Amino acid sequence: MKFLAVDFDVIERGGINRIVEGLKYGLEAAGSSFDYYWASTSGKLRSLSPDAPTMVNDRYYRLPARQLSYKRRDSAHNFSRLLRNYDVLLMIQACPHDIKGKQGDMSWTMLYEVAAELGKPIVVIIHDNLWDRYYEWYRQVSDLVKFHLFTCYQSKYDSLSRLPGNYVFLPTPLDVEQAGLYSQEKSGSLCWMPQWKKWKGIYQFLAALPDITFPVDLYNSGIEYHNVRQDPSGVWKSAIGLNHVNKTKGRGDPTHQYWGSQLPDAIPGIYKTHAASIDLAGSIGDRFDGQTSCIMFEAMVYGCLSVVHEKVDTHRWSPLAGQDIVWTVPSDPKGIAERVNEIIRKPKTRGRIAKRALEFVTEYSDAKTLANMVLEFVDADLTRDPEHPATFYDNICEDPVPIYDYTQYELKPYVSKYAAKKEETVPLDEEVVDLAVAADDTLMDLAPMANGQVHAEGLDGVRWIRFMNGVARAWIEAFGDV
């Protein structure tokens, strides 16, 4: 089976890169092809190579990929010619985020419309619990999708339960061929590998560093790396002894060192040589409560003990809960330091936990097994239950998925708040009004769609979605965002 994988540019990609790497490895091992493209308005992103990973502003890396455009005059024609050579369109991310810099541009919907018109099954990966906050416009094309792979189990009971569709849970897919404890390579040190984000608990960890009595290596970057160095509390200088990126010293322990962002080839070696890895995702509650991350599982593959927040080990939706394969810490910095110091002093305990974790992760995150699961769902005849608009295929938890009033699921025209506005008052255009009225009359005449694949009699459904997006664009052009 041939997969055309299409991605969009978002900063601080973190675990998204791991999932791309894992799916590519697993699908190719299963005999499928996986061609990776980045989509943008022009198809000419800088700092992106088709041959090798590229570091961007010392903050994050982009995997090698080819490029395609979705806003040029010939974009739809070129994409159609490309997609005809593939069996499946795999959207690595649903769409661009609806942010100010995008100016309300929805030309990316063309990718979905062309795939549906060609009858290609569309699979979309949802990496977070935030579609209704950052990319609500995805609802304009979501009915064209056969199924979604979702990686954040909290979303099942929150945002995705309000988005009609089929959902398959995807654990972090990892290459476990080189899995091992690597006991002889371990030092008595701790590493920080997550992106520097508040919900990852970076501020609590930095505040704990002065009380951690063992060597600590901090990697990667993110918005909070830049913010924390300006923090008036001085938490950065108190935490770090040496910053290798800009060659400066702080007031912290000399063995607490910052090494910056790393390219993917360096990552396995970091885990192999560190006793433990800490990731405090899931510690701050709200929509991230108890959430796991790719790093928690990736560390296990190389015998590196995963240190996580205690919520991750107790939350009923967490795959790590009750497994006795992680070391937990509380929220307060003093408590974090105490628990870290305790486990670093106990190599035998670390070894026992790491061994159990290795057994768990080689089964749970095996990319080959997960790729075969994806292939089975691509071939499956999936149906929609009208009484349960969001249908989930997983074994996360038996808690019932919330069901809402039908208005929560409705497809409504979407206009971004960042769409360009016209200052002058534009006279009412009868053609636009007629289009809007016709759209309302056409709604009940939609042809059926099955499994996200449009058949000959279902092309009206694709035309409807394209038509509605065209009405929205025409409205903006005529009247601005009202």
Protein backbone atom coordinates (compact mmCIF):
# COMPACT_ATOMS: atom_id res chain seq x y z
CA MET A 1 0.00 0.00 0.00
CA LYS A 2 1.33 3.44 -0.92
CA PHE A 3 0.99 6.26 1.60
CA LEU A 4 1.32 9.92 0.73
CA ALA A 5 2.07 11.57 4.09
CA VAL A 6 1.43 15.32 4.21
CA ASP A 7 2.51 17.58 7.07
CA PHE A 8 2.19 21.26 7.94
CA ASP A 9 4.63 23.60 9.63
CA VAL A 10 4.21 24.07 13.37
CA ILE A 11 7.00 25.12 15.69
CA GLU A 12 8.29 22.95 18.54
CA ARG A 13 7.22 19.70 16.92
CA GLY A 14 8.48 17.42 19.70
CA GLY A 15 6.69 14.08 19.62
CA ILE A 16 5.21 14.67 16.15
CA ASN A 17 8.62 13.88 14.66
CA ARG A 18 8.80 10.65 16.67
CA ILE A 19 5.42 9.55 15.31
CA VAL A 20 6.43 10.32 11.72
CA GLU A 21 9.65 8.33 12.14
CA GLY A 22 7.84 5.44 13.80
CA LEU A 23 5.05 5.17 11.24
CA LYS A 24 7.49 5.42 8.33
CA TYR A 25 9.64 2.66 9.80
CA GLY A 26 6.67 0.43 10.65
CA LEU A 27 4.79 0.84 7.37
CA GLU A 28 7.89 0.28 5.27
CA ALA A 29 8.70 -2.83 7.32
CA ALA A 30 5.19 -4.06 6.49
CA GLY A 31 5.89 -3.66 2.77
CA SER A 32 4.15 -0.32 2.26
CA SER A 33 5.70 2.87 0.92
CA PHE A 34 5.73 6.14 2.87
CA ASP A 35 6.53 9.35 1.01
CA TYR A 36 6.73 12.41 3.24
CA TYR A 37 5.78 15.91 2.07
CA TRP A 38 5.37 19.28 3.76
CA ALA A 39 2.54 21.44 2.49
CA SER A 40 2.57 25.23 2.47
CA THR A 41 0.97 28.03 0.47
CA SER A 42 3.92 28.31 -1.91
CA GLY A 43 5.62 24.94 -1.47
CA LYS A 44 8.89 26.75 -0.81
CA LEU A 45 9.58 26.56 2.93
CA ARG A 46 13.11 27.39 3.97
CA SER A 47 15.13 25.20 6.34
CA LEU A 48 13.70 22.00 4.91
CA SER A 49 15.79 19.43 3.07
CA PRO A 50 14.63 16.36 1.13
CA ASP A 51 17.78 14.52 2.17
CA ALA A 52 18.58 15.17 5.86
CA PRO A 53 17.07 16.55 9.08
CA THR A 54 17.35 20.33 9.41
CA MET A 55 17.76 22.27 12.65
CA VAL A 56 15.63 25.42 12.73
CA ASN A 57 16.91 28.39 14.77
CA ASP A 58 18.52 26.01 17.28
CA ARG A 59 15.00 25.23 18.57
CA TYR A 60 13.71 22.11 16.81
CA TYR A 61 14.42 19.95 13.80
CA ARG A 62 12.48 19.11 10.66
CA LEU A 63 12.71 15.63 9.23
CA PRO A 64 13.70 15.32 5.55
CA ALA A 65 10.71 15.91 3.29
CA ARG A 66 9.71 17.06 -0.15
CA GLN A 67 7.37 20.01 -0.59
CA LEU A 68 4.04 20.79 -2.21
CA SER A 69 1.92 23.93 -2.44
CA TYR A 70 -1.79 24.38 -1.82
CA LYS A 71 -2.42 28.01 -2.81
CA ARG A 72 -0.81 28.48 -6.19
CA ARG A 73 -2.94 28.57 -9.31
CA ASP A 74 -1.74 25.12 -10.35
CA SER A 75 -1.68 23.56 -6.85
CA ALA A 76 -4.88 21.51 -7.17
CA HIS A 77 -3.86 20.15 -10.58
CA ASN A 78 -0.38 19.22 -9.38
CA PHE A 79 -1.63 17.64 -6.18
CA SER A 80 -4.20 15.58 -8.08
CA ARG A 81 -1.47 14.26 -10.41
CA LEU A 82 0.71 13.38 -7.41
CA LEU A 83 -2.01 11.72 -5.36
CA ARG A 84 -3.10 9.47 -8.22
CA ASN A 85 0.10 7.49 -7.60
CA TYR A 86 -0.89 6.61 -4.01
CA ASP A 87 -3.50 4.52 -2.22
CA VAL A 88 -3.91 6.57 0.98
CA LEU A 89 -3.58 10.21 1.97
CA LEU A 90 -2.13 10.31 5.49
CA MET A 91 -2.36 13.76 7.06
CA ILE A 92 0.37 13.95 9.72
CA GLN A 93 -1.47 16.94 11.15
CA ALA A 94 -5.05 17.85 10.43
CA CYS A 95 -4.32 21.33 9.10
CA PRO A 96 -2.45 24.55 9.86
CA HIS A 97 -3.34 26.29 13.12
CA ASP A 98 -5.74 29.21 12.77
CA ILE A 99 -3.29 31.86 13.95
CA LYS A 100 -2.84 35.51 13.07
CA GLY A 101 -0.01 34.82 10.64
CA LYS A 102 -2.28 32.63 8.49
CA GLN A 103 -4.74 35.54 7.99
CA GLY A 104 -7.71 33.19 7.86
CA ASP A 105 -6.44 31.44 4.73
CA MET A 106 -8.30 28.15 4.17
CA SER A 107 -6.78 27.17 0.83
CA TRP A 108 -5.36 24.06 2.55
CA THR A 109 -8.84 22.49 2.32
CA MET A 110 -8.04 21.78 -1.33
CA LEU A 111 -5.89 18.82 -0.24
CA TYR A 112 -8.90 17.11 1.31
CA GLU A 113 -11.27 18.02 -1.51
CA VAL A 114 -8.96 16.62 -4.21
CA ALA A 115 -8.36 13.39 -2.27
CA ALA A 116 -12.08 12.87 -1.77
CA GLU A 117 -12.85 13.53 -5.43
CA LEU A 118 -10.26 10.90 -6.38
CA GLY A 119 -11.85 8.43 -3.95
CA LYS A 120 -8.69 8.11 -1.85
CA PRO A 121 -9.16 7.17 1.82
CA ILE A 122 -7.97 9.97 4.10
CA VAL A 123 -6.40 9.22 7.50
CA VAL A 124 -5.65 12.10 9.87
CA ILE A 125 -3.45 12.11 13.00
CA ILE A 126 -4.67 14.21 15.94
CA HIS A 127 -1.80 14.82 18.37
CA ASP A 128 -3.48 16.90 21.05
CA ASN A 129 -6.68 17.78 22.87
CA LEU A 130 -6.91 21.23 21.31
CA TRP A 131 -8.53 21.06 17.87
CA ASP A 132 -11.45 23.21 19.05
CA ARG A 133 -9.06 25.84 20.39
CA TYR A 134 -6.38 26.17 17.72
CA TYR A 135 -7.75 24.69 14.49
CA GLU A 136 -11.52 24.75 14.69
CA TRP A 137 -11.66 25.23 10.92
CA TYR A 138 -10.70 21.56 10.50
CA ARG A 139 -14.39 20.76 11.00
CA GLN A 140 -14.94 22.09 7.46
CA VAL A 141 -13.33 18.97 5.97
CA SER A 142 -13.47 16.37 8.76
CA ASP A 143 -16.47 14.58 7.21
CA LEU A 144 -14.22 13.56 4.30
CA VAL A 145 -11.92 11.54 6.59
CA LYS A 146 -12.18 7.76 6.88
CA PHE A 147 -10.67 7.62 10.37
CA HIS A 148 -8.40 9.51 12.73
CA LEU A 149 -5.39 8.23 14.63
CA PHE A 150 -5.38 9.98 18.00
CA THR A 151 -2.39 9.95 20.33
CA CYS A 152 -3.71 11.91 23.34
CA TYR A 153 -6.21 9.79 25.24
CA GLN A 154 -7.66 12.76 27.15
CA SER A 155 -9.13 13.99 23.87
CA LYS A 156 -11.43 10.97 23.71
CA TYR A 157 -13.39 12.33 26.65
CA ASP A 158 -13.03 15.99 25.74
CA SER A 159 -12.49 17.73 22.39
CA LEU A 160 -12.70 14.72 20.04
CA SER A 161 -15.98 13.60 21.56
CA ARG A 162 -17.43 16.77 19.97
CA LEU A 163 -15.96 16.07 16.51
CA PRO A 164 -17.93 13.49 14.48
CA GLY A 165 -15.77 10.74 13.06
CA ASN A 166 -14.03 7.41 13.62
CA TYR A 167 -11.04 7.32 15.98
CA VAL A 168 -8.29 4.75 16.48
CA PHE A 169 -5.85 5.14 19.36
CA LEU A 170 -2.19 5.19 18.28
CA PRO A 171 0.41 4.59 20.99
CA THR A 172 3.83 6.11 20.30
CA PRO A 173 5.24 3.95 17.45
CA LEU A 174 8.92 3.19 18.06
CA ASP A 175 11.63 1.09 16.44
CA VAL A 176 12.28 -1.48 19.18
CA GLU A 177 14.80 -3.57 17.22
CA GLN A 178 17.66 -2.00 19.22
CA ALA A 179 15.82 -2.11 22.55
CA GLY A 180 17.92 -2.99 25.57
CA LEU A 181 18.94 -2.02 29.07
CA TYR A 182 22.42 -0.78 28.08
CA SER A 183 23.47 -1.12 31.71
CA GLN A 184 27.20 -0.93 30.98
CA GLU A 185 26.82 2.44 29.23
CA LYS A 186 24.82 4.14 31.96
CA SER A 187 26.17 7.01 34.06
CA GLY A 188 24.57 8.19 37.29
CA SER A 189 22.91 11.16 35.67
CA LEU A 190 19.50 12.51 34.71
CA CYS A 191 18.42 14.02 31.39
CA TRP A 192 15.65 16.42 30.40
CA MET A 193 14.47 15.72 26.81
CA PRO A 194 11.03 17.38 26.38
CA GLN A 195 10.35 20.59 24.54
CA TRP A 196 10.42 23.55 26.92
CA LYS A 197 6.73 24.16 27.48
CA LYS A 198 4.85 25.10 30.63
CA TRP A 199 2.60 22.08 30.49
CA LYS A 200 5.71 19.89 30.46
CA GLY A 201 6.56 21.20 33.94
CA ILE A 202 9.82 22.91 32.98
CA TYR A 203 9.52 25.67 35.58
CA GLN A 204 8.97 23.21 38.45
CA PHE A 205 11.94 21.17 37.28
CA LEU A 206 14.26 24.18 37.01
CA ALA A 207 13.21 25.25 40.50
CA ALA A 208 14.12 21.77 41.76
CA LEU A 209 17.61 21.72 40.24
CA PRO A 210 19.45 23.52 43.07
CA ASP A 211 18.44 20.64 45.37
CA ILE A 212 19.31 17.80 42.96
CA THR A 213 22.72 16.51 43.96
CA PHE A 214 23.52 14.50 40.85
CA PRO A 215 24.57 15.55 37.31
CA VAL A 216 21.74 16.76 35.07
CA ASP A 217 21.87 17.31 31.32
CA LEU A 218 19.14 19.44 29.77
CA TYR A 219 18.43 19.19 26.03
CA ASN A 220 16.09 20.70 23.46
CA SER A 221 14.48 24.10 23.47
CA GLY A 222 11.16 25.90 23.06
CA ILE A 223 9.43 29.12 23.89
CA GLU A 224 10.02 28.71 27.62
CA TYR A 225 13.77 28.35 27.14
CA HIS A 226 13.76 31.90 25.84
CA ASN A 227 11.27 33.14 28.43
CA VAL A 228 12.88 31.64 31.50
CA ARG A 229 16.22 33.34 30.88
CA GLN A 230 14.42 36.68 31.23
CA ASP A 231 12.46 35.60 34.30
CA PRO A 232 13.07 38.19 37.08
CA SER A 233 13.10 35.46 39.74
CA GLY A 234 16.52 34.31 38.55
CA VAL A 235 15.41 30.67 38.38
CA TRP A 236 17.55 30.08 35.29
CA LYS A 237 20.85 31.24 36.74
CA SER A 238 20.20 29.37 39.97
CA ALA A 239 19.44 26.16 38.08
CA ILE A 240 22.17 25.99 35.42
CA GLY A 241 25.90 25.70 35.94
CA LEU A 242 26.95 25.83 32.29
CA ASN A 243 25.11 26.70 29.09
CA HIS A 244 26.97 25.05 26.19
CA VAL A 245 24.86 26.85 23.57
CA ASN A 246 25.93 30.41 24.33
CA LYS A 247 29.00 29.50 26.44
CA THR A 248 27.81 31.17 29.66
CA LYS A 249 27.93 30.10 33.28
CA GLY A 250 25.21 30.34 35.89
CA ARG A 251 25.18 30.07 39.66
CA GLY A 252 23.94 26.49 39.64
CA ASP A 253 25.76 23.21 40.18
CA PRO A 254 28.54 22.95 37.53
CA THR A 255 27.27 19.47 36.63
CA HIS A 256 23.84 20.86 35.71
CA GLN A 257 24.38 21.69 32.05
CA TYR A 258 22.32 22.80 29.06
CA TRP A 259 23.19 21.32 25.66
CA GLY A 260 20.51 22.69 23.34
CA SER A 261 18.43 20.99 20.67
CA GLN A 262 19.58 17.72 19.17
CA LEU A 263 19.19 16.08 15.77
CA PRO A 264 17.51 12.65 15.75
CA ASP A 265 20.69 10.59 15.35
CA ALA A 266 21.94 11.84 18.73
CA ILE A 267 18.83 10.93 20.71
CA PRO A 268 19.33 7.16 21.26
CA GLY A 269 22.84 7.75 22.59
CA ILE A 270 21.53 10.24 25.16
CA TYR A 271 19.10 7.69 26.58
CA LYS A 272 21.66 4.89 26.51
CA THR A 273 24.12 6.86 28.65
CA HIS A 274 21.72 8.35 31.22
CA ALA A 275 20.30 6.59 34.23
CA ALA A 276 16.95 8.38 34.06
CA SER A 277 14.90 10.77 31.94
CA ILE A 278 12.38 13.19 33.43
CA ASP A 279 9.23 14.51 31.73
CA LEU A 280 6.61 16.27 33.86
CA ALA A 281 3.85 16.34 31.22
CA GLY A 282 0.46 15.72 32.75
CA SER A 283 1.27 17.60 35.96
CA ILE A 284 -0.67 20.84 35.55
CA GLY A 285 -4.23 19.55 35.26
CA ASP A 286 -6.95 20.95 32.98
CA ARG A 287 -6.86 19.40 29.49
CA PHE A 288 -3.37 17.94 30.07
CA ASP A 289 -4.19 16.11 33.30
CA GLY A 290 -2.24 12.84 33.51
CA GLN A 291 -1.10 13.04 29.87
CA THR A 292 1.81 10.91 28.71
CA SER A 293 4.39 11.88 26.08
CA CYS A 294 6.53 10.14 23.47
CA ILE A 295 9.62 10.72 25.61
CA MET A 296 8.28 8.63 28.48
CA PHE A 297 8.15 5.58 26.20
CA GLU A 298 11.21 6.34 24.10
CA ALA A 299 13.44 6.40 27.18
CA MET A 300 12.23 2.91 28.15
CA VAL A 301 13.47 1.46 24.84
CA TYR A 302 17.07 2.18 25.90
CA GLY A 303 16.84 1.16 29.55
CA CYS A 304 16.58 4.76 30.73
CA LEU A 305 14.20 5.04 33.68
CA SER A 306 11.20 7.30 33.01
CA VAL A 307 10.61 9.78 35.81
CA VAL A 308 7.07 11.15 35.55
CA HIS A 309 4.57 13.13 37.55
CA GLU A 310 2.54 11.07 39.99
CA LYS A 311 -0.70 11.86 38.10
CA VAL A 312 0.59 9.93 35.09
CA ASP A 313 0.94 6.82 37.26
CA THR A 314 -2.52 7.14 38.80
CA HIS A 315 -4.84 8.63 36.16
CA ARG A 316 -7.32 5.98 35.04
CA TRP A 317 -6.83 6.91 31.38
CA SER A 318 -3.04 6.63 31.48
CA PRO A 319 -1.47 3.52 29.88
CA LEU A 320 1.28 3.77 32.51
CA ALA A 321 -1.05 3.72 35.52
CA GLY A 322 -0.49 0.82 37.90
CA GLN A 323 2.19 -0.82 35.73
CA ASP A 324 5.09 -0.21 38.15
CA ILE A 325 7.34 0.80 35.24
CA VAL A 326 8.04 4.46 36.09
CA TRP A 327 9.38 6.50 39.01
CA THR A 328 7.05 9.23 40.18
CA VAL A 329 7.58 12.72 41.57
CA PRO A 330 5.15 15.29 43.05
CA SER A 331 4.50 18.83 41.81
CA ASP A 332 6.54 20.86 44.28
CA PRO A 333 10.23 21.46 43.46
CA LYS A 334 11.49 20.22 46.83
CA GLY A 335 9.56 16.98 46.40
CA ILE A 336 10.84 16.55 42.85
CA ALA A 337 14.44 16.92 44.01
CA GLU A 338 13.99 14.48 46.91
CA ARG A 339 12.51 11.77 44.71
CA VAL A 340 15.14 12.24 41.98
CA ASN A 341 17.99 12.05 44.47
CA GLU A 342 16.45 8.92 45.98
CA ILE A 343 16.24 6.94 42.75
CA ILE A 344 19.64 7.99 41.42
CA ARG A 345 21.13 6.60 44.66
CA LYS A 346 19.42 3.23 44.04
CA PRO A 347 20.86 1.60 40.90
CA LYS A 348 19.35 -1.81 41.69
CA THR A 349 15.84 -0.37 42.01
CA ARG A 350 16.35 1.58 38.79
CA GLY A 351 17.44 -1.57 37.04
CA ARG A 352 14.42 -3.59 38.16
CA ILE A 353 11.97 -0.88 37.06
CA ALA A 354 13.81 -0.35 33.76
CA LYS A 355 13.64 -4.08 33.00
CA ARG A 356 9.86 -4.19 33.51
CA ALA A 357 9.50 -1.02 31.43
CA LEU A 358 11.52 -2.56 28.60
CA GLU A 359 9.22 -5.58 28.50
CA PHE A 360 6.19 -3.27 28.42
CA VAL A 361 7.36 -0.83 25.75
CA THR A 362 8.62 -3.44 23.28
CA GLU A 363 5.05 -4.71 23.06
CA TYR A 364 3.08 -1.49 23.59
CA SER A 365 5.03 0.76 21.19
CA ASP A 366 6.29 -1.69 18.56
CA ALA A 367 6.05 0.33 15.34
CA LYS A 368 5.66 -2.80 13.20
CA THR A 369 2.63 -4.00 15.15
CA LEU A 370 1.07 -0.53 15.13
CA ALA A 371 1.64 -0.15 11.37
CA ASN A 372 -0.25 -3.40 10.78
CA MET A 373 -3.08 -2.04 12.91
CA VAL A 374 -3.24 1.06 10.70
CA LEU A 375 -3.32 -1.09 7.55
CA GLU A 376 -6.19 -3.15 8.96
CA PHE A 377 -8.27 -0.03 9.61
CA VAL A 378 -7.52 1.35 6.15
CA ASP A 379 -9.04 -1.83 4.72
CA ALA A 380 -11.90 -2.03 7.25
CA ASP A 381 -15.51 -1.16 6.45
CA LEU A 382 -16.14 1.47 9.11
CA THR A 383 -19.62 2.77 9.78
CA ARG A 384 -20.97 5.71 11.72
CA ASP A 385 -23.42 5.28 14.57
CA PRO A 386 -25.93 8.15 14.37
CA GLU A 387 -26.42 7.95 18.12
CA HIS A 388 -22.66 8.18 18.76
CA PRO A 389 -21.25 10.69 16.22
CA ALA A 390 -17.71 10.19 17.58
CA THR A 391 -16.85 6.47 17.46
CA PHE A 392 -13.67 5.23 19.19
CA TYR A 393 -11.75 2.02 18.58
CA ASP A 394 -9.45 1.60 21.56
CA ASN A 395 -8.98 -0.09 24.90
CA ILE A 396 -7.97 2.99 26.87
CA CYS A 397 -10.80 3.01 29.33
CA GLU A 398 -14.37 1.80 29.60
CA ASP A 399 -15.66 5.23 30.62
CA PRO A 400 -18.52 6.19 28.27
CA VAL A 401 -17.74 8.84 25.67
CA PRO A 402 -19.82 12.00 26.29
CA ILE A 403 -22.72 12.62 23.93
CA TYR A 404 -23.90 16.17 23.31
CA ASP A 405 -26.81 18.01 21.80
CA TYR A 406 -26.81 17.65 18.00
CA THR A 407 -25.85 21.31 17.58
CA GLN A 408 -22.38 20.46 18.92
CA TYR A 409 -21.74 18.25 15.89
CA GLU A 410 -23.20 20.42 13.15
CA LEU A 411 -21.09 21.51 10.20
CA LYS A 412 -21.37 25.29 10.01
CA PRO A 413 -19.56 27.77 7.75
CA TYR A 414 -16.40 28.99 9.43
CA VAL A 415 -14.77 32.38 9.15
CA SER A 416 -11.48 32.96 10.95
CA LYS A 417 -11.25 35.96 13.23
CA TYR A 418 -7.93 36.67 11.51
CA ALA A 419 -9.44 36.88 8.02
CA ALA A 420 -8.77 40.15 6.23
CA LYS A 421 -11.43 42.81 6.72
CA LYS A 422 -12.45 45.55 4.33
CA GLU A 423 -12.88 48.97 5.80
CA GLU A 424 -15.45 50.22 3.34
CA THR A 425 -19.11 49.23 3.47
CA VAL A 426 -19.87 46.93 0.55
CA PRO A 427 -23.36 46.92 -0.98
CA LEU A 428 -25.23 43.68 -0.59
CA ASP A 429 -24.36 41.39 -3.50
CA GLU A 430 -27.38 39.47 -4.65
CA GLU A 431 -25.24 36.65 -6.05
CA VAL A 432 -23.66 36.01 -2.66
CA VAL A 433 -27.06 36.08 -0.98
CA ASP A 434 -28.37 33.63 -3.56
CA LEU A 435 -25.40 31.34 -2.89
CA ALA A 436 -26.08 31.37 0.84
CA VAL A 437 -29.77 30.60 0.30
CA ALA A 438 -28.92 27.84 -2.16
CA ALA A 439 -26.46 26.39 0.35
CA ASP A 440 -29.20 26.23 2.97
CA ASP A 441 -31.55 24.52 0.49
CA THR A 442 -28.87 22.07 -0.64
CA LEU A 443 -28.02 20.78 2.85
CA MET A 444 -30.79 18.19 2.89
CA ASP A 445 -29.82 16.88 -0.55
CA LEU A 446 -26.33 15.67 0.34
CA ALA A 447 -25.37 12.34 -1.16
CA PRO A 448 -24.19 9.69 1.30
CA MET A 449 -20.55 9.05 2.09
CA ALA A 450 -19.23 5.74 3.41
CA ASN A 451 -16.07 5.27 5.44
CA GLY A 452 -14.69 8.63 4.44
CA GLN A 453 -14.47 7.45 0.83
CA VAL A 454 -16.58 9.21 -1.77
CA HIS A 455 -18.22 6.96 -4.31
CA ALA A 456 -19.71 8.02 -7.63
CA GLU A 457 -23.06 8.82 -6.07
CA GLY A 458 -21.37 10.60 -3.17
CA LEU A 459 -19.44 13.23 -5.11
CA ASP A 460 -22.14 15.72 -4.21
CA GLY A 461 -20.88 15.51 -0.63
CA VAL A 462 -17.44 16.65 -1.73
CA ARG A 463 -18.91 19.37 -3.89
CA TRP A 464 -21.00 20.50 -0.94
CA ILE A 465 -17.97 20.92 1.32
CA ARG A 466 -16.04 22.69 -1.42
CA PHE A 467 -19.13 24.82 -2.10
CA MET A 468 -19.52 25.79 1.58
CA ASN A 469 -15.85 26.77 1.80
CA GLY A 470 -16.33 28.82 -1.37
CA VAL A 471 -19.35 30.58 0.14
CA ALA A 472 -17.30 31.44 3.22
CA ARG A 473 -14.50 32.86 1.10
CA ALA A 474 -16.98 34.82 -1.04
CA TRP A 475 -18.59 36.23 2.08
CA ILE A 476 -15.24 37.43 3.40
CA GLU A 477 -14.37 39.04 0.08
CA ALA A 478 -17.74 40.81 -0.12
CA PHE A 479 -18.43 41.85 3.45
CA GLY A 480 -15.35 41.14 5.55
CA ASP A 481 -15.50 39.21 8.83
CA VAL A 482 -18.73 40.12 10.56
